[in-house]
Amino acid sequence: MRRIAVLASGGGSNLQAILDHLAALGAAAPAAVTLVVSDRADGYALERARARGVVAAHLPRSAPDDALERLLDEHRCDLVVLAGYLRLVPEPVVRRWSGRMLNIHPALLPAFGGHGMYGHRVHEAVLAAGVRLSGATVHFVNEQFDRGAIVAQWPVPVRPDDTVETLAQRVLAVEHRLYPWCVEAVARGDVRLDDDGHVHGSLPYAFPRFAVEGPRHPFVPDE
């Protein structure tokens, strides 16, 4: 079974989605979360980890540059999953875990990505641009912000009456479904980043269909 480290700075709702998904797979799960790292001592992601018996580590911003790599080595982590981690991952870590490090972004990359584009800033930019479609993107991590090879995307319609809060809520609901699927697929080897820089393979799940105005419920497709 592969060992996953999740890096999170905030509440860790995507972490919770991954934990729940892997737990639901039971003995068929290809991996387990064995380490959660946060740069915030009061980050709720650490509480979520402790509640599941997962090692929870606070890595302050003042920590040495190699502290994260040493933590990942100590816990023999095969995969690294970023879940709202707002600290720059050191380049040596990105290079060593190339093809084994995932991130999720609350928009359809390459649009609305890059340095400083995270959280509500992304949704503010989407609404300001007047686009009619946003969504979530899971991608492999490389040395450039939000420019790694894309694993999967799930579109979310932008409604005329959307606010930052309503759009963020619907995109987050999609993240909670999409990210665990991608983590599972990469852990199984069903999806991989090859030497040619392209993603090969496919997810084990089919996406629901959406009506133009968006789903009535985050996980129930309109017919």
C-alpha atoms as a PDB file:
ATOM      1  CA  MET A   1       0.000   0.000   0.000  1.00  0.00           C
ATOM      2  CA  ARG A   2       1.325   3.409  -0.967  1.00  0.00           C
ATOM      3  CA  ARG A   3       1.848   6.070   1.677  1.00  0.00           C
ATOM      4  CA  ILE A   4       0.392   9.548   1.127  1.00  0.00           C
ATOM      5  CA  ALA A   5       1.450  12.826   2.689  1.00  0.00           C
ATOM      6  CA  VAL A   6      -1.138  15.611   2.538  1.00  0.00           C
ATOM      7  CA  LEU A   7       0.038  19.223   2.864  1.00  0.00           C
ATOM      8  CA  ALA A   8      -2.654  21.668   3.981  1.00  0.00           C
ATOM      9  CA  SER A   9      -2.732  25.192   5.388  1.00  0.00           C
ATOM     10  CA  GLY A  10      -6.412  25.610   6.189  1.00  0.00           C
ATOM     11  CA  GLY A  11      -9.429  23.611   7.234  1.00  0.00           C
ATOM     12  CA  GLY A  12      -8.547  20.525   5.246  1.00  0.00           C
ATOM     13  CA  SER A  13     -11.899  19.750   3.672  1.00  0.00           C
ATOM     14  CA  ASN A  14     -10.185  18.162   0.658  1.00  0.00           C
ATOM     15  CA  LEU A  15      -8.075  16.144   3.070  1.00  0.00           C
ATOM     16  CA  GLN A  16     -11.278  14.919   4.695  1.00  0.00           C
ATOM     17  CA  ALA A  17     -12.718  13.979   1.308  1.00  0.00           C
ATOM     18  CA  ILE A  18      -9.607  11.924   0.523  1.00  0.00           C
ATOM     19  CA  LEU A  19      -9.628  10.232   3.937  1.00  0.00           C
ATOM     20  CA  ASP A  20     -13.306   9.337   3.566  1.00  0.00           C
ATOM     21  CA  HIS A  21     -12.859   8.059   0.013  1.00  0.00           C
ATOM     22  CA  LEU A  22      -9.954   5.779   0.881  1.00  0.00           C
ATOM     23  CA  ALA A  23     -11.754   4.526   3.991  1.00  0.00           C
ATOM     24  CA  ALA A  24     -14.815   3.665   1.890  1.00  0.00           C
ATOM     25  CA  LEU A  25     -12.638   1.533  -0.409  1.00  0.00           C
ATOM     26  CA  GLY A  26     -11.644  -0.584   2.572  1.00  0.00           C
ATOM     27  CA  ALA A  27      -9.182  -3.351   1.794  1.00  0.00           C
ATOM     28  CA  ALA A  28      -9.284  -2.378  -1.895  1.00  0.00           C
ATOM     29  CA  ALA A  29      -7.693   1.011  -1.177  1.00  0.00           C
ATOM     30  CA  PRO A  30      -4.356   1.342  -2.984  1.00  0.00           C
ATOM     31  CA  ALA A  31      -2.983   3.874  -0.500  1.00  0.00           C
ATOM     32  CA  ALA A  32      -3.438   5.454   2.909  1.00  0.00           C
ATOM     33  CA  VAL A  33      -2.783   8.926   4.255  1.00  0.00           C
ATOM     34  CA  THR A  34       0.032   8.459   6.764  1.00  0.00           C
ATOM     35  CA  LEU A  35       1.188  12.052   7.260  1.00  0.00           C
ATOM     36  CA  VAL A  36      -0.496  15.473   7.292  1.00  0.00           C
ATOM     37  CA  VAL A  37       1.681  18.577   7.311  1.00  0.00           C
ATOM     38  CA  SER A  38       0.536  22.143   7.919  1.00  0.00           C
ATOM     39  CA  ASP A  39       2.404  25.426   8.158  1.00  0.00           C
ATOM     40  CA  ARG A  40      -0.213  26.575  10.676  1.00  0.00           C
ATOM     41  CA  ALA A  41      -0.155  25.138  14.170  1.00  0.00           C
ATOM     42  CA  ASP A  42      -3.898  25.849  14.524  1.00  0.00           C
ATOM     43  CA  GLY A  43      -4.807  24.516  11.075  1.00  0.00           C
ATOM     44  CA  TYR A  44      -7.898  22.340  11.363  1.00  0.00           C
ATOM     45  CA  ALA A  45      -6.371  19.894   8.899  1.00  0.00           C
ATOM     46  CA  LEU A  46      -4.131  18.727  11.742  1.00  0.00           C
ATOM     47  CA  GLU A  47      -7.178  18.019  13.896  1.00  0.00           C
ATOM     48  CA  ARG A  48      -8.724  16.015  11.072  1.00  0.00           C
ATOM     49  CA  ALA A  49      -5.528  13.967  10.861  1.00  0.00           C
ATOM     50  CA  ARG A  50      -5.392  13.276  14.586  1.00  0.00           C
ATOM     51  CA  ALA A  51      -9.052  12.213  14.562  1.00  0.00           C
ATOM     52  CA  ARG A  52      -8.123   9.482  12.057  1.00  0.00           C
ATOM     53  CA  GLY A  53      -4.956   8.416  13.820  1.00  0.00           C
ATOM     54  CA  VAL A  54      -2.740   9.996  11.156  1.00  0.00           C
ATOM     55  CA  VAL A  55       0.535  11.658  12.091  1.00  0.00           C
ATOM     56  CA  ALA A  56       0.001  15.437  12.197  1.00  0.00           C
ATOM     57  CA  ALA A  57       3.077  17.645  11.825  1.00  0.00           C
ATOM     58  CA  HIS A  58       3.323  21.417  12.150  1.00  0.00           C
ATOM     59  CA  LEU A  59       6.013  22.794   9.840  1.00  0.00           C
ATOM     60  CA  PRO A  60       6.456  26.497  10.669  1.00  0.00           C
ATOM     61  CA  ARG A  61       7.528  28.942   7.989  1.00  0.00           C
ATOM     62  CA  SER A  62      10.762  29.407   9.907  1.00  0.00           C
ATOM     63  CA  ALA A  63      11.692  25.744   9.440  1.00  0.00           C
ATOM     64  CA  PRO A  64      14.870  24.952   7.466  1.00  0.00           C
ATOM     65  CA  ASP A  65      14.515  24.562   3.712  1.00  0.00           C
ATOM     66  CA  ASP A  66      15.067  20.810   3.894  1.00  0.00           C
ATOM     67  CA  ALA A  67      12.614  20.194   6.753  1.00  0.00           C
ATOM     68  CA  LEU A  68       9.756  19.080   4.507  1.00  0.00           C
ATOM     69  CA  GLU A  69      11.928  16.668   2.562  1.00  0.00           C
ATOM     70  CA  ARG A  70      13.213  15.146   5.801  1.00  0.00           C
ATOM     71  CA  LEU A  71       9.638  14.692   7.057  1.00  0.00           C
ATOM     72  CA  LEU A  72       8.578  12.970   3.847  1.00  0.00           C
ATOM     73  CA  ASP A  73      11.610  10.693   4.013  1.00  0.00           C
ATOM     74  CA  GLU A  74      11.056   9.900   7.688  1.00  0.00           C
ATOM     75  CA  HIS A  75       7.508   8.733   6.956  1.00  0.00           C
ATOM     76  CA  ARG A  76       8.476   7.006   3.671  1.00  0.00           C
ATOM     77  CA  CYS A  77       5.872   8.905   1.664  1.00  0.00           C
ATOM     78  CA  ASP A  78       5.259   7.689  -1.873  1.00  0.00           C
ATOM     79  CA  LEU A  79       2.780  10.386  -2.908  1.00  0.00           C
ATOM     80  CA  VAL A  80       2.427  14.034  -1.913  1.00  0.00           C
ATOM     81  CA  VAL A  81      -0.973  15.707  -2.166  1.00  0.00           C
ATOM     82  CA  LEU A  82      -1.375  19.475  -1.810  1.00  0.00           C
ATOM     83  CA  ALA A  83      -4.721  20.469  -0.315  1.00  0.00           C
ATOM     84  CA  GLY A  84      -4.796  24.220   0.106  1.00  0.00           C
ATOM     85  CA  TYR A  85      -1.124  24.394   1.053  1.00  0.00           C
ATOM     86  CA  LEU A  86      -0.103  28.052   0.801  1.00  0.00           C
ATOM     87  CA  ARG A  87       3.610  27.606   1.352  1.00  0.00           C
ATOM     88  CA  LEU A  88       5.941  27.211  -1.625  1.00  0.00           C
ATOM     89  CA  VAL A  89       7.092  23.595  -1.890  1.00  0.00           C
ATOM     90  CA  PRO A  90      10.923  23.550  -2.142  1.00  0.00           C
ATOM     91  CA  GLU A  91      12.233  22.696  -5.600  1.00  0.00           C
ATOM     92  CA  PRO A  92      14.201  19.639  -4.393  1.00  0.00           C
ATOM     93  CA  VAL A  93      10.935  18.142  -3.117  1.00  0.00           C
ATOM     94  CA  VAL A  94       9.116  18.956  -6.359  1.00  0.00           C
ATOM     95  CA  ARG A  95      11.891  17.312  -8.391  1.00  0.00           C
ATOM     96  CA  ARG A  96      12.128  14.177  -6.220  1.00  0.00           C
ATOM     97  CA  TRP A  97       8.369  13.592  -6.183  1.00  0.00           C
ATOM     98  CA  SER A  98       7.832  14.542  -9.818  1.00  0.00           C
ATOM     99  CA  GLY A  99       4.914  12.527 -11.131  1.00  0.00           C
ATOM    100  CA  ARG A 100       3.965  11.683  -7.550  1.00  0.00           C
ATOM    101  CA  MET A 101       2.805  15.122  -6.365  1.00  0.00           C
ATOM    102  CA  LEU A 102      -0.701  16.424  -7.022  1.00  0.00           C
ATOM    103  CA  ASN A 103      -2.470  19.738  -6.529  1.00  0.00           C
ATOM    104  CA  ILE A 104      -6.042  20.930  -7.042  1.00  0.00           C
ATOM    105  CA  HIS A 105      -6.937  24.397  -8.307  1.00  0.00           C
ATOM    106  CA  PRO A 106     -10.429  25.993  -8.138  1.00  0.00           C
ATOM    107  CA  ALA A 107     -10.631  26.978 -11.818  1.00  0.00           C
ATOM    108  CA  LEU A 108     -10.090  25.483 -15.255  1.00  0.00           C
ATOM    109  CA  LEU A 109      -6.352  25.831 -15.769  1.00  0.00           C
ATOM    110  CA  PRO A 110      -4.473  27.336 -17.483  1.00  0.00           C
ATOM    111  CA  ALA A 111      -7.017  30.125 -16.948  1.00  0.00           C
ATOM    112  CA  PHE A 112      -7.029  31.928 -13.599  1.00  0.00           C
ATOM    113  CA  GLY A 113      -3.883  30.294 -12.282  1.00  0.00           C
ATOM    114  CA  GLY A 114      -0.398  31.379 -11.325  1.00  0.00           C
ATOM    115  CA  HIS A 115       1.322  33.133  -8.458  1.00  0.00           C
ATOM    116  CA  GLY A 116      -1.092  34.637  -5.932  1.00  0.00           C
ATOM    117  CA  MET A 117      -4.145  32.948  -7.449  1.00  0.00           C
ATOM    118  CA  TYR A 118      -5.714  30.886  -4.700  1.00  0.00           C
ATOM    119  CA  GLY A 119      -8.948  30.668  -2.724  1.00  0.00           C
ATOM    120  CA  HIS A 120     -11.454  33.458  -3.216  1.00  0.00           C
ATOM    121  CA  ARG A 121      -9.000  35.423  -5.355  1.00  0.00           C
ATOM    122  CA  VAL A 122      -9.590  32.887  -8.112  1.00  0.00           C
ATOM    123  CA  HIS A 123     -13.381  33.164  -7.949  1.00  0.00           C
ATOM    124  CA  GLU A 124     -13.190  36.971  -7.839  1.00  0.00           C
ATOM    125  CA  ALA A 125     -11.122  36.911 -11.031  1.00  0.00           C
ATOM    126  CA  VAL A 126     -13.546  34.493 -12.707  1.00  0.00           C
ATOM    127  CA  LEU A 127     -16.542  36.715 -11.949  1.00  0.00           C
ATOM    128  CA  ALA A 128     -14.680  39.873 -12.958  1.00  0.00           C
ATOM    129  CA  ALA A 129     -13.803  38.306 -16.320  1.00  0.00           C
ATOM    130  CA  GLY A 130     -17.444  37.510 -17.032  1.00  0.00           C
ATOM    131  CA  VAL A 131     -16.763  33.950 -18.154  1.00  0.00           C
ATOM    132  CA  ARG A 132     -19.612  31.460 -18.075  1.00  0.00           C
ATOM    133  CA  LEU A 133     -17.648  28.404 -17.046  1.00  0.00           C
ATOM    134  CA  SER A 134     -15.301  27.664 -14.169  1.00  0.00           C
ATOM    135  CA  GLY A 135     -14.535  24.440 -12.341  1.00  0.00           C
ATOM    136  CA  ALA A 136     -11.743  22.457 -10.726  1.00  0.00           C
ATOM    137  CA  THR A 137      -8.439  21.155 -12.092  1.00  0.00           C
ATOM    138  CA  VAL A 138      -6.216  18.426 -10.674  1.00  0.00           C
ATOM    139  CA  HIS A 139      -2.659  18.536 -11.962  1.00  0.00           C
ATOM    140  CA  PHE A 140       0.786  17.185 -11.294  1.00  0.00           C
ATOM    141  CA  VAL A 141       3.057  19.707  -9.592  1.00  0.00           C
ATOM    142  CA  ASN A 142       6.148  21.128 -11.254  1.00  0.00           C
ATOM    143  CA  GLU A 143       8.382  24.114 -10.547  1.00  0.00           C
ATOM    144  CA  GLN A 144       5.877  26.607 -11.989  1.00  0.00           C
ATOM    145  CA  PHE A 145       2.699  27.687 -10.205  1.00  0.00           C
ATOM    146  CA  ASP A 146      -0.321  25.833 -11.632  1.00  0.00           C
ATOM    147  CA  ARG A 147       1.501  24.798 -14.820  1.00  0.00           C
ATOM    148  CA  GLY A 148       1.975  21.079 -14.226  1.00  0.00           C
ATOM    149  CA  ALA A 149       0.412  18.478 -16.520  1.00  0.00           C
ATOM    150  CA  ILE A 150      -3.359  18.257 -16.067  1.00  0.00           C
ATOM    151  CA  VAL A 151      -4.826  15.005 -14.734  1.00  0.00           C
ATOM    152  CA  ALA A 152      -8.531  15.901 -14.860  1.00  0.00           C
ATOM    153  CA  GLN A 153     -10.943  18.823 -14.925  1.00  0.00           C
ATOM    154  CA  TRP A 154     -14.579  19.155 -13.917  1.00  0.00           C
ATOM    155  CA  PRO A 155     -16.515  22.169 -15.276  1.00  0.00           C
ATOM    156  CA  VAL A 156     -18.924  24.193 -13.158  1.00  0.00           C
ATOM    157  CA  PRO A 157     -21.246  26.706 -14.859  1.00  0.00           C
ATOM    158  CA  VAL A 158     -21.021  30.295 -13.626  1.00  0.00           C
ATOM    159  CA  ARG A 159     -24.540  31.561 -12.985  1.00  0.00           C
ATOM    160  CA  PRO A 160     -25.600  35.166 -13.665  1.00  0.00           C
ATOM    161  CA  ASP A 161     -26.425  35.710  -9.993  1.00  0.00           C
ATOM    162  CA  ASP A 162     -23.283  34.076  -8.614  1.00  0.00           C
ATOM    163  CA  THR A 163     -21.258  35.698  -5.866  1.00  0.00           C
ATOM    164  CA  VAL A 164     -17.760  34.698  -4.853  1.00  0.00           C
ATOM    165  CA  GLU A 165     -19.259  32.673  -2.021  1.00  0.00           C
ATOM    166  CA  THR A 166     -21.855  30.778  -4.072  1.00  0.00           C
ATOM    167  CA  LEU A 167     -19.398  29.971  -6.862  1.00  0.00           C
ATOM    168  CA  ALA A 168     -16.751  28.885  -4.353  1.00  0.00           C
ATOM    169  CA  GLN A 169     -19.235  26.568  -2.647  1.00  0.00           C
ATOM    170  CA  ARG A 170     -20.183  24.782  -5.872  1.00  0.00           C
ATOM    171  CA  VAL A 171     -16.600  24.468  -7.063  1.00  0.00           C
ATOM    172  CA  LEU A 172     -15.534  23.104  -3.675  1.00  0.00           C
ATOM    173  CA  ALA A 173     -18.254  20.454  -3.843  1.00  0.00           C
ATOM    174  CA  VAL A 174     -16.786  19.323  -7.157  1.00  0.00           C
ATOM    175  CA  GLU A 175     -13.262  19.344  -5.701  1.00  0.00           C
ATOM    176  CA  HIS A 176     -14.386  16.975  -2.961  1.00  0.00           C
ATOM    177  CA  ARG A 177     -15.467  14.446  -5.582  1.00  0.00           C
ATOM    178  CA  LEU A 178     -12.751  14.929  -8.198  1.00  0.00           C
ATOM    179  CA  TYR A 179      -9.628  15.037  -6.033  1.00  0.00           C
ATOM    180  CA  PRO A 180     -10.084  11.674  -4.271  1.00  0.00           C
ATOM    181  CA  TRP A 181     -10.713  10.020  -7.643  1.00  0.00           C
ATOM    182  CA  CYS A 182      -7.442  11.402  -8.989  1.00  0.00           C
ATOM    183  CA  VAL A 183      -5.479  10.461  -5.878  1.00  0.00           C
ATOM    184  CA  GLU A 184      -6.813   6.906  -6.105  1.00  0.00           C
ATOM    185  CA  ALA A 185      -6.010   6.668  -9.825  1.00  0.00           C
ATOM    186  CA  VAL A 186      -2.428   7.883  -9.385  1.00  0.00           C
ATOM    187  CA  ALA A 187      -1.910   5.597  -6.379  1.00  0.00           C
ATOM    188  CA  ARG A 188      -3.092   2.613  -8.434  1.00  0.00           C
ATOM    189  CA  GLY A 189      -0.925   3.567 -11.387  1.00  0.00           C
ATOM    190  CA  ASP A 190      -4.002   3.988 -13.584  1.00  0.00           C
ATOM    191  CA  VAL A 191      -2.916   7.579 -14.245  1.00  0.00           C
ATOM    192  CA  ARG A 192       0.735   8.478 -14.611  1.00  0.00           C
ATOM    193  CA  LEU A 193       3.033  11.246 -15.793  1.00  0.00           C
ATOM    194  CA  ASP A 194       5.385   9.808 -18.383  1.00  0.00           C
ATOM    195  CA  ASP A 195       8.828  10.994 -19.417  1.00  0.00           C
ATOM    196  CA  ASP A 196       7.282  12.780 -22.397  1.00  0.00           C
ATOM    197  CA  GLY A 197       5.567  15.171 -19.962  1.00  0.00           C
ATOM    198  CA  HIS A 198       2.096  13.915 -20.858  1.00  0.00           C
ATOM    199  CA  VAL A 199      -0.469  12.298 -18.604  1.00  0.00           C
ATOM    200  CA  HIS A 200      -1.494   8.778 -19.614  1.00  0.00           C
ATOM    201  CA  GLY A 201      -4.322   6.622 -18.317  1.00  0.00           C
ATOM    202  CA  SER A 202      -7.810   7.441 -17.101  1.00  0.00           C
ATOM    203  CA  LEU A 203      -9.872   7.823 -13.952  1.00  0.00           C
ATOM    204  CA  PRO A 204     -11.953   4.888 -12.673  1.00  0.00           C
ATOM    205  CA  TYR A 205     -15.111   7.020 -12.480  1.00  0.00           C
ATOM    206  CA  ALA A 206     -17.362   8.822 -14.965  1.00  0.00           C
ATOM    207  CA  PHE A 207     -18.330  12.440 -14.330  1.00  0.00           C
ATOM    208  CA  PRO A 208     -22.028  13.298 -13.907  1.00  0.00           C
ATOM    209  CA  ARG A 209     -23.720  15.351 -16.627  1.00  0.00           C
ATOM    210  CA  PHE A 210     -24.701  18.923 -15.841  1.00  0.00           C
ATOM    211  CA  ALA A 211     -27.525  21.079 -17.120  1.00  0.00           C
ATOM    212  CA  VAL A 212     -26.488  24.524 -18.366  1.00  0.00           C
ATOM    213  CA  GLU A 213     -27.489  26.225 -15.112  1.00  0.00           C
ATOM    214  CA  GLY A 214     -25.538  23.742 -13.008  1.00  0.00           C
ATOM    215  CA  PRO A 215     -26.662  20.817 -10.906  1.00  0.00           C
ATOM    216  CA  ARG A 216     -29.595  20.953  -8.493  1.00  0.00           C
ATOM    217  CA  HIS A 217     -27.336  19.192  -6.006  1.00  0.00           C
ATOM    218  CA  PRO A 218     -23.526  19.107  -6.163  1.00  0.00           C
ATOM    219  CA  PHE A 219     -23.378  15.371  -6.810  1.00  0.00           C
ATOM    220  CA  VAL A 220     -26.712  14.667  -8.533  1.00  0.00           C
ATOM    221  CA  PRO A 221     -26.747  15.297 -12.305  1.00  0.00           C
ATOM    222  CA  ASP A 222     -29.719  16.881 -14.012  1.00  0.00           C
ATOM    223  CA  GLU A 223     -31.439  14.570 -16.469  1.00  0.00           C
END
